[in-house]
Amino acid sequence: MTKSIEKILTHIGEDPTREGLLDTPKRVIKAWEFMCSGYNQDAKQIIQKALFTSSNDQMVVVKDIEFYSMCEHHMLPIIGKVHVAYIPNGKVIGLSKIPRVVDVFARRLQIQEQLTEQIADAINEAIDPKGVAVVIDARHMCMEMRGVEKICSTTVTSALRGIFKKEHKTKDEFMTIISGSFGK
């Protein structure tokens, strides 16, 4: 990988032996290992470590979960917030595990639409709730730094399962709860 990074530096017109770039390949490798660490994690295992029996049957919402991912098409950053809700069906998830599940999938090469689905499916499969809702609001550096260069645009995606898909009232309640979060 070191040689590949040196080739990239040379390709763009840089000198990989320049003082400021001598350790760049090592730093890039370390950064990529972190940014792609989701490939080595299992969302189901994370959730299983913090499942608790509960009689709660009302909506649980964790909103404004910051995330960073990498676009699989251009390998440029996707930066945004994830909002997750579920309605328990006898089990609840330790709250800190929900952002960890987001990170499992965000720390892979992604498209936002798939990331949204993966988070919803992981929670749905792990606890079989009455419903799950995931909304992601994100900026894509492939749109901002190159191509159309639109710096004020965001992309919003959603994945609805169970009662959130069937009952508009439940979905509307979730959207009201998270509505103050868009564009922040």
N, C-alpha and C. Protein backbone atom coordinates (compact mmCIF):
# COMPACT_ATOMS: atom_id res chain seq x y z
N MET A 1 0.84 -1.19 0.00
CA MET A 1 0.00 0.00 0.00
C MET A 1 0.89 1.26 0.00
N THR A 2 2.00 1.19 0.69
CA THR A 2 2.92 2.32 0.71
C THR A 2 3.34 2.71 -0.71
N LYS A 3 3.71 1.72 -1.50
CA LYS A 3 4.13 1.98 -2.88
C LYS A 3 2.97 2.58 -3.70
N SER A 4 1.76 2.11 -3.47
CA SER A 4 0.60 2.63 -4.19
C SER A 4 0.38 4.11 -3.86
N ILE A 5 0.51 4.47 -2.60
CA ILE A 5 0.32 5.87 -2.20
C ILE A 5 1.42 6.74 -2.80
N GLU A 6 2.64 6.22 -2.81
CA GLU A 6 3.74 6.96 -3.44
C GLU A 6 3.46 7.17 -4.94
N LYS A 7 2.89 6.15 -5.60
CA LYS A 7 2.54 6.28 -7.02
C LYS A 7 1.45 7.35 -7.22
N ILE A 8 0.48 7.37 -6.33
CA ILE A 8 -0.57 8.39 -6.42
C ILE A 8 0.04 9.77 -6.28
N LEU A 9 0.91 9.95 -5.30
CA LEU A 9 1.56 11.25 -5.10
C LEU A 9 2.33 11.67 -6.35
N THR A 10 3.06 10.73 -6.93
CA THR A 10 3.81 11.02 -8.16
C THR A 10 2.85 11.36 -9.30
N HIS A 11 1.76 10.61 -9.41
CA HIS A 11 0.79 10.81 -10.48
C HIS A 11 0.18 12.22 -10.46
N ILE A 12 -0.08 12.74 -9.25
CA ILE A 12 -0.70 14.08 -9.16
C ILE A 12 0.33 15.20 -9.27
N GLY A 13 1.61 14.83 -9.41
CA GLY A 13 2.65 15.84 -9.60
C GLY A 13 3.47 16.16 -8.37
N GLU A 14 3.33 15.36 -7.33
CA GLU A 14 4.10 15.57 -6.11
C GLU A 14 5.37 14.73 -6.11
N ASP A 15 6.24 15.07 -5.19
CA ASP A 15 7.48 14.33 -4.98
C ASP A 15 7.36 13.59 -3.66
N PRO A 16 7.16 12.26 -3.68
CA PRO A 16 6.98 11.51 -2.43
C PRO A 16 8.21 11.53 -1.52
N THR A 17 9.34 11.99 -2.04
CA THR A 17 10.55 12.07 -1.19
C THR A 17 10.70 13.45 -0.55
N ARG A 18 9.76 14.36 -0.85
CA ARG A 18 9.78 15.69 -0.24
C ARG A 18 9.57 15.54 1.27
N GLU A 19 10.26 16.38 2.05
CA GLU A 19 10.24 16.28 3.51
C GLU A 19 8.83 16.16 4.09
N GLY A 20 7.91 17.00 3.66
CA GLY A 20 6.56 16.98 4.20
C GLY A 20 5.75 15.75 3.84
N LEU A 21 6.22 14.99 2.86
CA LEU A 21 5.47 13.81 2.40
C LEU A 21 6.13 12.49 2.80
N LEU A 22 7.28 12.54 3.46
CA LEU A 22 8.00 11.30 3.77
C LEU A 22 7.15 10.29 4.55
N ASP A 23 6.40 10.76 5.54
CA ASP A 23 5.58 9.86 6.36
C ASP A 23 4.12 9.79 5.90
N THR A 24 3.80 10.48 4.82
CA THR A 24 2.42 10.50 4.34
C THR A 24 1.87 9.10 4.04
N PRO A 25 2.59 8.22 3.37
CA PRO A 25 2.02 6.88 3.14
C PRO A 25 1.63 6.17 4.43
N LYS A 26 2.45 6.27 5.47
CA LYS A 26 2.11 5.62 6.75
C LYS A 26 0.85 6.25 7.35
N ARG A 27 0.76 7.58 7.29
CA ARG A 27 -0.41 8.27 7.84
C ARG A 27 -1.68 7.91 7.05
N VAL A 28 -1.56 7.83 5.73
CA VAL A 28 -2.71 7.48 4.89
C VAL A 28 -3.18 6.06 5.20
N ILE A 29 -2.24 5.15 5.33
CA ILE A 29 -2.59 3.76 5.66
C ILE A 29 -3.34 3.70 6.98
N LYS A 30 -2.82 4.38 7.99
CA LYS A 30 -3.47 4.38 9.31
C LYS A 30 -4.87 5.00 9.23
N ALA A 31 -4.99 6.10 8.47
CA ALA A 31 -6.30 6.75 8.32
C ALA A 31 -7.30 5.81 7.64
N TRP A 32 -6.87 5.16 6.55
CA TRP A 32 -7.77 4.26 5.82
C TRP A 32 -8.16 3.05 6.67
N GLU A 33 -7.22 2.55 7.47
CA GLU A 33 -7.56 1.41 8.35
C GLU A 33 -8.66 1.81 9.32
N PHE A 34 -8.59 3.04 9.85
CA PHE A 34 -9.63 3.52 10.75
C PHE A 34 -10.93 3.76 10.00
N MET A 35 -10.86 4.48 8.87
CA MET A 35 -12.08 4.84 8.13
C MET A 35 -12.80 3.62 7.57
N CYS A 36 -12.11 2.52 7.41
CA CYS A 36 -12.72 1.29 6.88
C CYS A 36 -12.78 0.18 7.93
N SER A 37 -12.72 0.55 9.20
CA SER A 37 -12.72 -0.45 10.27
C SER A 37 -14.05 -1.18 10.42
N GLY A 38 -15.09 -0.70 9.78
CA GLY A 38 -16.40 -1.35 9.86
C GLY A 38 -16.42 -2.73 9.23
N TYR A 39 -15.49 -2.99 8.31
CA TYR A 39 -15.44 -4.31 7.68
C TYR A 39 -15.06 -5.40 8.69
N ASN A 40 -14.43 -4.99 9.78
CA ASN A 40 -13.98 -5.96 10.80
C ASN A 40 -14.91 -6.01 12.00
N GLN A 41 -16.10 -5.44 11.88
CA GLN A 41 -17.04 -5.42 13.00
C GLN A 41 -18.37 -6.03 12.60
N ASP A 42 -19.09 -6.54 13.58
CA ASP A 42 -20.38 -7.18 13.35
C ASP A 42 -21.44 -6.47 14.18
N ALA A 43 -22.38 -5.82 13.52
CA ALA A 43 -23.43 -5.07 14.21
C ALA A 43 -24.25 -5.95 15.15
N LYS A 44 -24.54 -7.16 14.71
CA LYS A 44 -25.34 -8.07 15.54
C LYS A 44 -24.65 -8.37 16.87
N GLN A 45 -23.34 -8.59 16.83
CA GLN A 45 -22.59 -8.84 18.06
C GLN A 45 -22.60 -7.63 18.98
N ILE A 46 -22.49 -6.45 18.41
CA ILE A 46 -22.52 -5.21 19.21
C ILE A 46 -23.86 -5.08 19.92
N ILE A 47 -24.95 -5.30 19.19
CA ILE A 47 -26.28 -5.17 19.78
C ILE A 47 -26.50 -6.24 20.85
N GLN A 48 -26.07 -7.48 20.59
CA GLN A 48 -26.30 -8.58 21.53
C GLN A 48 -25.65 -8.34 22.89
N LYS A 49 -24.61 -7.51 22.93
CA LYS A 49 -23.91 -7.22 24.19
C LYS A 49 -24.71 -6.30 25.10
N ALA A 50 -25.76 -5.69 24.59
CA ALA A 50 -26.51 -4.73 25.40
C ALA A 50 -28.01 -4.79 25.10
N LEU A 51 -28.57 -5.98 25.22
CA LEU A 51 -30.02 -6.15 25.08
C LEU A 51 -30.63 -6.31 26.45
N PHE A 52 -31.73 -5.63 26.68
CA PHE A 52 -32.36 -5.67 27.99
C PHE A 52 -33.87 -5.86 27.82
N THR A 53 -34.44 -6.68 28.71
CA THR A 53 -35.88 -6.87 28.72
C THR A 53 -36.53 -5.60 29.23
N SER A 54 -37.62 -5.20 28.57
CA SER A 54 -38.31 -3.98 28.97
C SER A 54 -39.78 -4.07 28.58
N SER A 55 -40.62 -3.47 29.42
CA SER A 55 -42.05 -3.39 29.09
C SER A 55 -42.36 -2.14 28.27
N ASN A 56 -41.36 -1.30 28.02
CA ASN A 56 -41.56 -0.09 27.23
C ASN A 56 -42.07 -0.46 25.85
N ASP A 57 -43.15 0.20 25.45
CA ASP A 57 -43.67 -0.02 24.10
C ASP A 57 -43.84 1.30 23.36
N GLN A 58 -43.10 2.31 23.80
CA GLN A 58 -43.13 3.63 23.19
C GLN A 58 -41.85 3.86 22.39
N MET A 59 -41.90 4.82 21.51
CA MET A 59 -40.79 5.11 20.62
C MET A 59 -39.52 5.49 21.38
N VAL A 60 -38.40 4.88 20.97
CA VAL A 60 -37.08 5.22 21.47
C VAL A 60 -36.35 5.87 20.30
N VAL A 61 -35.85 7.09 20.51
CA VAL A 61 -35.20 7.83 19.43
C VAL A 61 -33.80 8.25 19.87
N VAL A 62 -32.83 7.96 19.03
CA VAL A 62 -31.48 8.50 19.20
C VAL A 62 -31.25 9.32 17.94
N LYS A 63 -31.11 10.64 18.12
CA LYS A 63 -31.00 11.50 16.94
C LYS A 63 -29.67 12.24 16.93
N ASP A 64 -29.39 12.82 15.79
CA ASP A 64 -28.18 13.62 15.61
C ASP A 64 -26.89 12.83 15.86
N ILE A 65 -26.87 11.58 15.42
CA ILE A 65 -25.66 10.76 15.53
C ILE A 65 -24.74 11.18 14.37
N GLU A 66 -23.67 11.86 14.70
CA GLU A 66 -22.73 12.28 13.65
C GLU A 66 -22.02 11.07 13.07
N PHE A 67 -21.81 11.10 11.76
CA PHE A 67 -21.07 10.02 11.13
C PHE A 67 -20.22 10.56 9.99
N TYR A 68 -19.22 9.78 9.66
CA TYR A 68 -18.33 10.05 8.53
C TYR A 68 -18.20 8.75 7.78
N SER A 69 -18.37 8.80 6.49
CA SER A 69 -18.23 7.61 5.67
C SER A 69 -17.45 8.00 4.42
N MET A 70 -17.29 7.04 3.53
CA MET A 70 -16.57 7.27 2.28
C MET A 70 -17.43 6.78 1.12
N CYS A 71 -17.64 7.65 0.16
CA CYS A 71 -18.40 7.32 -1.04
C CYS A 71 -17.67 6.22 -1.81
N GLU A 72 -18.38 5.15 -2.14
CA GLU A 72 -17.73 4.04 -2.85
C GLU A 72 -17.44 4.37 -4.31
N HIS A 73 -18.02 5.43 -4.82
CA HIS A 73 -17.79 5.79 -6.23
C HIS A 73 -16.55 6.65 -6.43
N HIS A 74 -16.29 7.56 -5.47
CA HIS A 74 -15.16 8.47 -5.62
C HIS A 74 -14.18 8.39 -4.45
N MET A 75 -14.54 7.60 -3.43
CA MET A 75 -13.74 7.46 -2.22
C MET A 75 -13.46 8.83 -1.59
N LEU A 76 -14.52 9.65 -1.55
CA LEU A 76 -14.48 10.94 -0.89
C LEU A 76 -15.47 10.90 0.28
N PRO A 77 -15.30 11.78 1.26
CA PRO A 77 -16.13 11.73 2.47
C PRO A 77 -17.61 12.02 2.24
N ILE A 78 -18.40 11.34 3.06
CA ILE A 78 -19.82 11.63 3.26
C ILE A 78 -19.90 12.01 4.74
N ILE A 79 -20.49 13.16 5.04
CA ILE A 79 -20.52 13.67 6.41
C ILE A 79 -21.97 14.01 6.74
N GLY A 80 -22.46 13.50 7.86
CA GLY A 80 -23.84 13.82 8.18
C GLY A 80 -24.29 13.35 9.53
N LYS A 81 -25.62 13.26 9.65
CA LYS A 81 -26.25 12.83 10.90
C LYS A 81 -27.26 11.73 10.61
N VAL A 82 -27.33 10.81 11.54
CA VAL A 82 -28.27 9.70 11.46
C VAL A 82 -29.26 9.85 12.61
N HIS A 83 -30.51 9.58 12.32
CA HIS A 83 -31.57 9.59 13.33
C HIS A 83 -32.20 8.20 13.31
N VAL A 84 -32.25 7.56 14.47
CA VAL A 84 -32.75 6.19 14.57
C VAL A 84 -33.87 6.14 15.60
N ALA A 85 -34.94 5.44 15.24
CA ALA A 85 -36.04 5.21 16.18
C ALA A 85 -36.47 3.76 16.08
N TYR A 86 -36.93 3.23 17.20
CA TYR A 86 -37.56 1.92 17.17
C TYR A 86 -38.61 1.86 18.26
N ILE A 87 -39.55 0.97 18.09
CA ILE A 87 -40.58 0.74 19.10
C ILE A 87 -40.35 -0.66 19.63
N PRO A 88 -39.95 -0.75 20.91
CA PRO A 88 -39.59 -2.05 21.49
C PRO A 88 -40.74 -3.05 21.46
N ASN A 89 -40.33 -4.30 21.44
CA ASN A 89 -41.28 -5.41 21.49
C ASN A 89 -40.75 -6.41 22.51
N GLY A 90 -40.51 -5.91 23.74
CA GLY A 90 -40.00 -6.75 24.81
C GLY A 90 -38.51 -6.58 25.08
N LYS A 91 -37.78 -6.00 24.14
CA LYS A 91 -36.33 -5.80 24.30
C LYS A 91 -35.96 -4.38 23.91
N VAL A 92 -34.99 -3.80 24.64
CA VAL A 92 -34.41 -2.52 24.27
C VAL A 92 -32.90 -2.70 24.12
N ILE A 93 -32.31 -1.78 23.36
CA ILE A 93 -30.87 -1.80 23.10
C ILE A 93 -30.21 -0.74 23.97
N GLY A 94 -29.08 -1.07 24.58
CA GLY A 94 -28.31 -0.06 25.29
C GLY A 94 -28.07 1.11 24.34
N LEU A 95 -28.34 2.32 24.79
CA LEU A 95 -28.35 3.48 23.91
C LEU A 95 -27.02 3.71 23.19
N SER A 96 -25.91 3.43 23.84
CA SER A 96 -24.60 3.67 23.20
C SER A 96 -24.35 2.71 22.04
N LYS A 97 -25.08 1.63 21.99
CA LYS A 97 -24.87 0.66 20.92
C LYS A 97 -25.43 1.13 19.58
N ILE A 98 -26.41 2.01 19.62
CA ILE A 98 -26.99 2.48 18.36
C ILE A 98 -25.96 3.29 17.56
N PRO A 99 -25.26 4.27 18.15
CA PRO A 99 -24.20 4.94 17.39
C PRO A 99 -23.09 3.99 16.96
N ARG A 100 -22.83 2.96 17.74
CA ARG A 100 -21.81 1.98 17.35
C ARG A 100 -22.25 1.20 16.10
N VAL A 101 -23.53 0.88 16.03
CA VAL A 101 -24.06 0.20 14.84
C VAL A 101 -23.93 1.12 13.62
N VAL A 102 -24.23 2.39 13.81
CA VAL A 102 -24.06 3.36 12.72
C VAL A 102 -22.61 3.32 12.23
N ASP A 103 -21.65 3.35 13.17
CA ASP A 103 -20.23 3.35 12.79
C ASP A 103 -19.81 2.08 12.06
N VAL A 104 -20.38 0.94 12.43
CA VAL A 104 -20.03 -0.32 11.76
C VAL A 104 -20.24 -0.18 10.26
N PHE A 105 -21.38 0.36 9.88
CA PHE A 105 -21.72 0.46 8.46
C PHE A 105 -21.14 1.72 7.81
N ALA A 106 -21.01 2.81 8.57
CA ALA A 106 -20.46 4.04 8.02
C ALA A 106 -18.97 3.89 7.72
N ARG A 107 -18.29 3.06 8.46
CA ARG A 107 -16.86 2.89 8.26
C ARG A 107 -16.57 1.78 7.24
N ARG A 108 -17.26 1.90 6.15
CA ARG A 108 -17.08 1.05 4.97
C ARG A 108 -17.28 1.96 3.76
N LEU A 109 -16.80 1.56 2.62
CA LEU A 109 -17.14 2.31 1.40
C LEU A 109 -18.64 2.16 1.22
N GLN A 110 -19.34 3.28 0.95
CA GLN A 110 -20.80 3.26 1.02
C GLN A 110 -21.45 4.11 -0.05
N ILE A 111 -22.74 3.86 -0.21
CA ILE A 111 -23.66 4.84 -0.77
C ILE A 111 -24.68 5.09 0.35
N GLN A 112 -25.15 6.30 0.44
CA GLN A 112 -26.02 6.67 1.56
C GLN A 112 -27.28 5.82 1.61
N GLU A 113 -27.84 5.53 0.46
CA GLU A 113 -29.07 4.74 0.43
C GLU A 113 -28.88 3.37 1.09
N GLN A 114 -27.76 2.73 0.81
CA GLN A 114 -27.47 1.41 1.39
C GLN A 114 -27.16 1.51 2.88
N LEU A 115 -26.43 2.54 3.26
CA LEU A 115 -26.11 2.75 4.68
C LEU A 115 -27.39 2.85 5.50
N THR A 116 -28.36 3.59 5.00
CA THR A 116 -29.64 3.75 5.69
C THR A 116 -30.32 2.40 5.88
N GLU A 117 -30.36 1.61 4.83
CA GLU A 117 -30.98 0.29 4.89
C GLU A 117 -30.25 -0.65 5.85
N GLN A 118 -28.93 -0.63 5.81
CA GLN A 118 -28.15 -1.55 6.65
C GLN A 118 -28.38 -1.29 8.13
N ILE A 119 -28.44 -0.03 8.52
CA ILE A 119 -28.68 0.31 9.93
C ILE A 119 -30.07 -0.17 10.35
N ALA A 120 -31.07 0.12 9.54
CA ALA A 120 -32.44 -0.30 9.87
C ALA A 120 -32.54 -1.82 9.96
N ASP A 121 -31.96 -2.52 9.00
CA ASP A 121 -32.05 -3.97 8.99
C ASP A 121 -31.32 -4.60 10.18
N ALA A 122 -30.18 -4.06 10.56
CA ALA A 122 -29.43 -4.61 11.68
C ALA A 122 -30.24 -4.54 12.97
N ILE A 123 -30.87 -3.41 13.21
CA ILE A 123 -31.68 -3.25 14.43
C ILE A 123 -32.93 -4.12 14.34
N ASN A 124 -33.57 -4.12 13.19
CA ASN A 124 -34.79 -4.91 13.00
C ASN A 124 -34.53 -6.40 13.22
N GLU A 125 -33.45 -6.91 12.66
CA GLU A 125 -33.13 -8.33 12.78
C GLU A 125 -32.69 -8.70 14.20
N ALA A 126 -32.02 -7.80 14.89
CA ALA A 126 -31.47 -8.12 16.21
C ALA A 126 -32.53 -8.16 17.30
N ILE A 127 -33.52 -7.26 17.24
CA ILE A 127 -34.48 -7.21 18.36
C ILE A 127 -35.93 -7.40 17.95
N ASP A 128 -36.21 -7.56 16.66
CA ASP A 128 -37.57 -7.75 16.18
C ASP A 128 -38.55 -6.77 16.84
N PRO A 129 -38.29 -5.46 16.69
CA PRO A 129 -39.17 -4.47 17.31
C PRO A 129 -40.49 -4.35 16.54
N LYS A 130 -41.39 -3.54 17.07
CA LYS A 130 -42.64 -3.28 16.37
C LYS A 130 -42.39 -2.43 15.12
N GLY A 131 -41.29 -1.71 15.13
CA GLY A 131 -40.93 -0.91 13.98
C GLY A 131 -39.58 -0.25 14.16
N VAL A 132 -38.95 0.10 13.05
CA VAL A 132 -37.66 0.80 13.05
C VAL A 132 -37.75 1.89 11.99
N ALA A 133 -37.15 3.04 12.30
CA ALA A 133 -37.04 4.12 11.33
C ALA A 133 -35.63 4.69 11.39
N VAL A 134 -35.04 4.91 10.23
CA VAL A 134 -33.72 5.52 10.13
C VAL A 134 -33.79 6.61 9.07
N VAL A 135 -33.32 7.78 9.42
CA VAL A 135 -33.21 8.89 8.47
C VAL A 135 -31.79 9.40 8.52
N ILE A 136 -31.20 9.60 7.35
CA ILE A 136 -29.84 10.15 7.27
C ILE A 136 -29.90 11.43 6.45
N ASP A 137 -29.25 12.46 6.97
CA ASP A 137 -29.11 13.75 6.31
C ASP A 137 -27.61 14.01 6.17
N ALA A 138 -27.10 14.04 4.94
CA ALA A 138 -25.65 14.08 4.77
C ALA A 138 -25.20 14.95 3.60
N ARG A 139 -23.96 15.39 3.73
CA ARG A 139 -23.27 16.11 2.66
C ARG A 139 -22.30 15.15 2.01
N HIS A 140 -22.18 15.28 0.69
CA HIS A 140 -21.30 14.39 -0.08
C HIS A 140 -20.19 15.22 -0.73
N MET A 141 -18.96 14.93 -0.33
CA MET A 141 -17.84 15.69 -0.87
C MET A 141 -17.66 15.45 -2.37
N CYS A 142 -18.17 14.34 -2.89
CA CYS A 142 -18.09 14.13 -4.35
C CYS A 142 -18.98 15.12 -5.10
N MET A 143 -19.97 15.69 -4.41
CA MET A 143 -20.81 16.73 -5.02
C MET A 143 -20.26 18.12 -4.72
N GLU A 144 -19.55 18.26 -3.60
CA GLU A 144 -19.08 19.57 -3.18
C GLU A 144 -17.69 19.91 -3.69
N MET A 145 -16.79 18.96 -3.71
CA MET A 145 -15.40 19.21 -4.05
C MET A 145 -15.09 19.05 -5.53
N ARG A 146 -15.96 18.37 -6.25
CA ARG A 146 -15.74 18.08 -7.67
C ARG A 146 -17.11 18.03 -8.34
N GLY A 147 -17.14 17.69 -9.58
CA GLY A 147 -18.42 17.53 -10.27
C GLY A 147 -19.26 18.79 -10.26
N VAL A 148 -20.44 18.73 -9.68
CA VAL A 148 -21.37 19.86 -9.72
C VAL A 148 -21.01 20.98 -8.74
N GLU A 149 -20.15 20.71 -7.77
CA GLU A 149 -19.67 21.69 -6.80
C GLU A 149 -20.80 22.47 -6.13
N LYS A 150 -21.73 21.77 -5.55
CA LYS A 150 -22.87 22.38 -4.85
C LYS A 150 -22.67 22.20 -3.35
N ILE A 151 -22.19 23.26 -2.69
CA ILE A 151 -21.78 23.13 -1.28
C ILE A 151 -22.92 23.24 -0.27
N CYS A 152 -24.07 23.67 -0.66
CA CYS A 152 -25.16 23.82 0.31
C CYS A 152 -26.21 22.71 0.20
N SER A 153 -25.96 21.70 -0.60
CA SER A 153 -26.97 20.65 -0.76
C SER A 153 -26.71 19.51 0.21
N THR A 154 -27.80 18.91 0.69
CA THR A 154 -27.70 17.69 1.48
C THR A 154 -28.60 16.65 0.85
N THR A 155 -28.34 15.42 1.19
CA THR A 155 -29.15 14.30 0.72
C THR A 155 -29.81 13.67 1.93
N VAL A 156 -31.11 13.42 1.84
CA VAL A 156 -31.86 12.80 2.93
C VAL A 156 -32.40 11.47 2.43
N THR A 157 -32.12 10.41 3.20
CA THR A 157 -32.64 9.09 2.88
C THR A 157 -33.34 8.53 4.11
N SER A 158 -34.27 7.61 3.87
CA SER A 158 -34.98 6.99 4.99
C SER A 158 -35.17 5.50 4.73
N ALA A 159 -35.28 4.78 5.82
CA ALA A 159 -35.63 3.36 5.78
C ALA A 159 -36.64 3.13 6.89
N LEU A 160 -37.80 2.65 6.53
CA LEU A 160 -38.88 2.42 7.49
C LEU A 160 -39.23 0.95 7.52
N ARG A 161 -39.43 0.43 8.72
CA ARG A 161 -39.81 -0.97 8.91
C ARG A 161 -41.00 -1.03 9.86
N GLY A 162 -41.82 -2.05 9.70
CA GLY A 162 -42.92 -2.32 10.63
C GLY A 162 -43.91 -1.17 10.73
N ILE A 163 -44.23 -0.81 11.96
CA ILE A 163 -45.27 0.18 12.24
C ILE A 163 -44.95 1.55 11.62
N PHE A 164 -43.66 1.88 11.47
CA PHE A 164 -43.31 3.17 10.87
C PHE A 164 -43.71 3.23 9.40
N LYS A 165 -43.74 2.09 8.77
CA LYS A 165 -44.12 2.03 7.35
C LYS A 165 -45.64 1.93 7.20
N LYS A 166 -46.28 1.28 8.17
CA LYS A 166 -47.71 1.02 8.06
C LYS A 166 -48.58 2.16 8.59
N GLU A 167 -48.12 2.83 9.63
CA GLU A 167 -48.96 3.85 10.27
C GLU A 167 -48.34 5.23 10.11
N HIS A 168 -49.00 6.08 9.36
CA HIS A 168 -48.49 7.42 9.09
C HIS A 168 -48.33 8.23 10.38
N LYS A 169 -49.21 8.00 11.33
CA LYS A 169 -49.16 8.74 12.59
C LYS A 169 -47.83 8.48 13.32
N THR A 170 -47.39 7.25 13.32
CA THR A 170 -46.13 6.90 13.99
C THR A 170 -44.95 7.50 13.24
N LYS A 171 -44.97 7.39 11.92
CA LYS A 171 -43.91 7.99 11.11
C LYS A 171 -43.88 9.50 11.30
N ASP A 172 -45.04 10.13 11.32
CA ASP A 172 -45.12 11.58 11.48
C ASP A 172 -44.57 12.01 12.84
N GLU A 173 -44.85 11.23 13.88
CA GLU A 173 -44.31 11.55 15.21
C GLU A 173 -42.78 11.53 15.18
N PHE A 174 -42.21 10.52 14.56
CA PHE A 174 -40.74 10.42 14.43
C PHE A 174 -40.19 11.61 13.66
N MET A 175 -40.83 11.94 12.54
CA MET A 175 -40.34 13.05 11.71
C MET A 175 -40.44 14.37 12.47
N THR A 176 -41.45 14.55 13.30
CA THR A 176 -41.58 15.75 14.10
C THR A 176 -40.44 15.83 15.13
N ILE A 177 -40.15 14.70 15.74
CA ILE A 177 -39.06 14.67 16.74
C ILE A 177 -37.73 15.06 16.14
N ILE A 178 -37.46 14.58 14.93
CA ILE A 178 -36.14 14.85 14.33
C ILE A 178 -36.12 16.10 13.45
N SER A 179 -37.27 16.71 13.21
CA SER A 179 -37.33 17.80 12.23
C SER A 179 -36.42 18.98 12.54
N GLY A 180 -36.14 19.25 13.77
CA GLY A 180 -35.25 20.35 14.12
C GLY A 180 -33.79 20.04 13.83
N SER A 181 -33.51 18.83 13.39
CA SER A 181 -32.13 18.39 13.18
C SER A 181 -31.62 18.61 11.77
N PHE A 182 -32.50 18.82 10.80
CA PHE A 182 -32.08 18.92 9.41
C PHE A 182 -31.31 20.21 9.15
N GLY A 183 -30.26 20.06 8.35
CA GLY A 183 -29.48 21.20 7.93
C GLY A 183 -28.52 21.74 8.99
N LYS A 184 -28.41 21.09 10.12
CA LYS A 184 -27.48 21.55 11.16
C LYS A 184 -26.08 21.11 10.86
